[in-house]
Amino acid sequence: MNDQEYNAKLDELDHLLNDLDVPMEPARVWELLAEVSHHDLQQAGHI
């Protein structure tokens, strides 16, 4: 995933968690967290 995709996922996650007008989508939140975490681990050289 490139930096633009990574930032878009973080923005979507922030929107889902903090915008009171957006219905909570737990499955999507977990999916985004997994993708972002995987990216972070790759960048740190742990994968």
C-alpha atoms as a PDB file:
ATOM      1  CA  MET A   1       0.000   0.000   0.000  1.00  0.00           C
ATOM      2  CA  ASN A   2       1.386   3.398  -0.886  1.00  0.00           C
ATOM      3  CA  ASP A   3       1.326   6.494   1.313  1.00  0.00           C
ATOM      4  CA  GLN A   4      -1.785   7.907  -0.353  1.00  0.00           C
ATOM      5  CA  GLU A   5      -3.757   4.690   0.257  1.00  0.00           C
ATOM      6  CA  TYR A   6      -2.462   4.492   3.832  1.00  0.00           C
ATOM      7  CA  ASN A   7      -3.551   8.061   4.556  1.00  0.00           C
ATOM      8  CA  ALA A   8      -6.943   7.452   2.955  1.00  0.00           C
ATOM      9  CA  LYS A   9      -7.487   4.438   5.226  1.00  0.00           C
ATOM     10  CA  LEU A  10      -6.515   6.474   8.293  1.00  0.00           C
ATOM     11  CA  ASP A  11      -8.911   9.226   7.233  1.00  0.00           C
ATOM     12  CA  GLU A  12     -11.736   6.721   6.743  1.00  0.00           C
ATOM     13  CA  LEU A  13     -11.014   5.168  10.130  1.00  0.00           C
ATOM     14  CA  ASP A  14     -11.019   8.581  11.788  1.00  0.00           C
ATOM     15  CA  HIS A  15     -14.301   9.417  10.073  1.00  0.00           C
ATOM     16  CA  LEU A  16     -15.953   6.149  11.182  1.00  0.00           C
ATOM     17  CA  LEU A  17     -14.819   6.570  14.786  1.00  0.00           C
ATOM     18  CA  ASN A  18     -15.350  10.288  15.301  1.00  0.00           C
ATOM     19  CA  ASP A  19     -18.186  11.515  13.083  1.00  0.00           C
ATOM     20  CA  LEU A  20     -21.416  11.263  15.051  1.00  0.00           C
ATOM     21  CA  ASP A  21     -23.465  11.398  11.842  1.00  0.00           C
ATOM     22  CA  VAL A  22     -21.863   8.231  10.459  1.00  0.00           C
ATOM     23  CA  PRO A  23     -23.267   4.887  11.618  1.00  0.00           C
ATOM     24  CA  MET A  24     -20.745   2.623  13.317  1.00  0.00           C
ATOM     25  CA  GLU A  25     -19.481  -0.172  11.067  1.00  0.00           C
ATOM     26  CA  PRO A  26     -17.477  -2.459  13.379  1.00  0.00           C
ATOM     27  CA  ALA A  27     -16.427  -4.874  10.640  1.00  0.00           C
ATOM     28  CA  ARG A  28     -15.046  -2.016   8.519  1.00  0.00           C
ATOM     29  CA  VAL A  29     -13.243  -0.496  11.531  1.00  0.00           C
ATOM     30  CA  TRP A  30     -11.514  -3.830  12.259  1.00  0.00           C
ATOM     31  CA  GLU A  31     -10.655  -4.288   8.579  1.00  0.00           C
ATOM     32  CA  LEU A  32      -9.055  -0.856   8.397  1.00  0.00           C
ATOM     33  CA  LEU A  33      -7.171  -1.403  11.652  1.00  0.00           C
ATOM     34  CA  ALA A  34      -5.770  -4.683  10.344  1.00  0.00           C
ATOM     35  CA  GLU A  35      -4.638  -3.113   7.075  1.00  0.00           C
ATOM     36  CA  VAL A  36      -3.045  -0.096   8.776  1.00  0.00           C
ATOM     37  CA  SER A  37      -1.348  -2.286  11.387  1.00  0.00           C
ATOM     38  CA  HIS A  38       0.040  -4.594   8.727  1.00  0.00           C
ATOM     39  CA  HIS A  39       1.428  -1.603   6.842  1.00  0.00           C
ATOM     40  CA  ASP A  40       2.998  -0.216  10.026  1.00  0.00           C
ATOM     41  CA  LEU A  41       4.637  -3.569  10.821  1.00  0.00           C
ATOM     42  CA  GLN A  42       6.031  -3.792   7.305  1.00  0.00           C
ATOM     43  CA  GLN A  43       7.457  -0.292   7.549  1.00  0.00           C
ATOM     44  CA  ALA A  44       9.100  -1.149  10.881  1.00  0.00           C
ATOM     45  CA  GLY A  45      10.653  -4.282   9.355  1.00  0.00           C
ATOM     46  CA  HIS A  46       8.769  -6.709  11.584  1.00  0.00           C
ATOM     47  CA  ILE A  47       7.216  -8.631   8.678  1.00  0.00           C
END
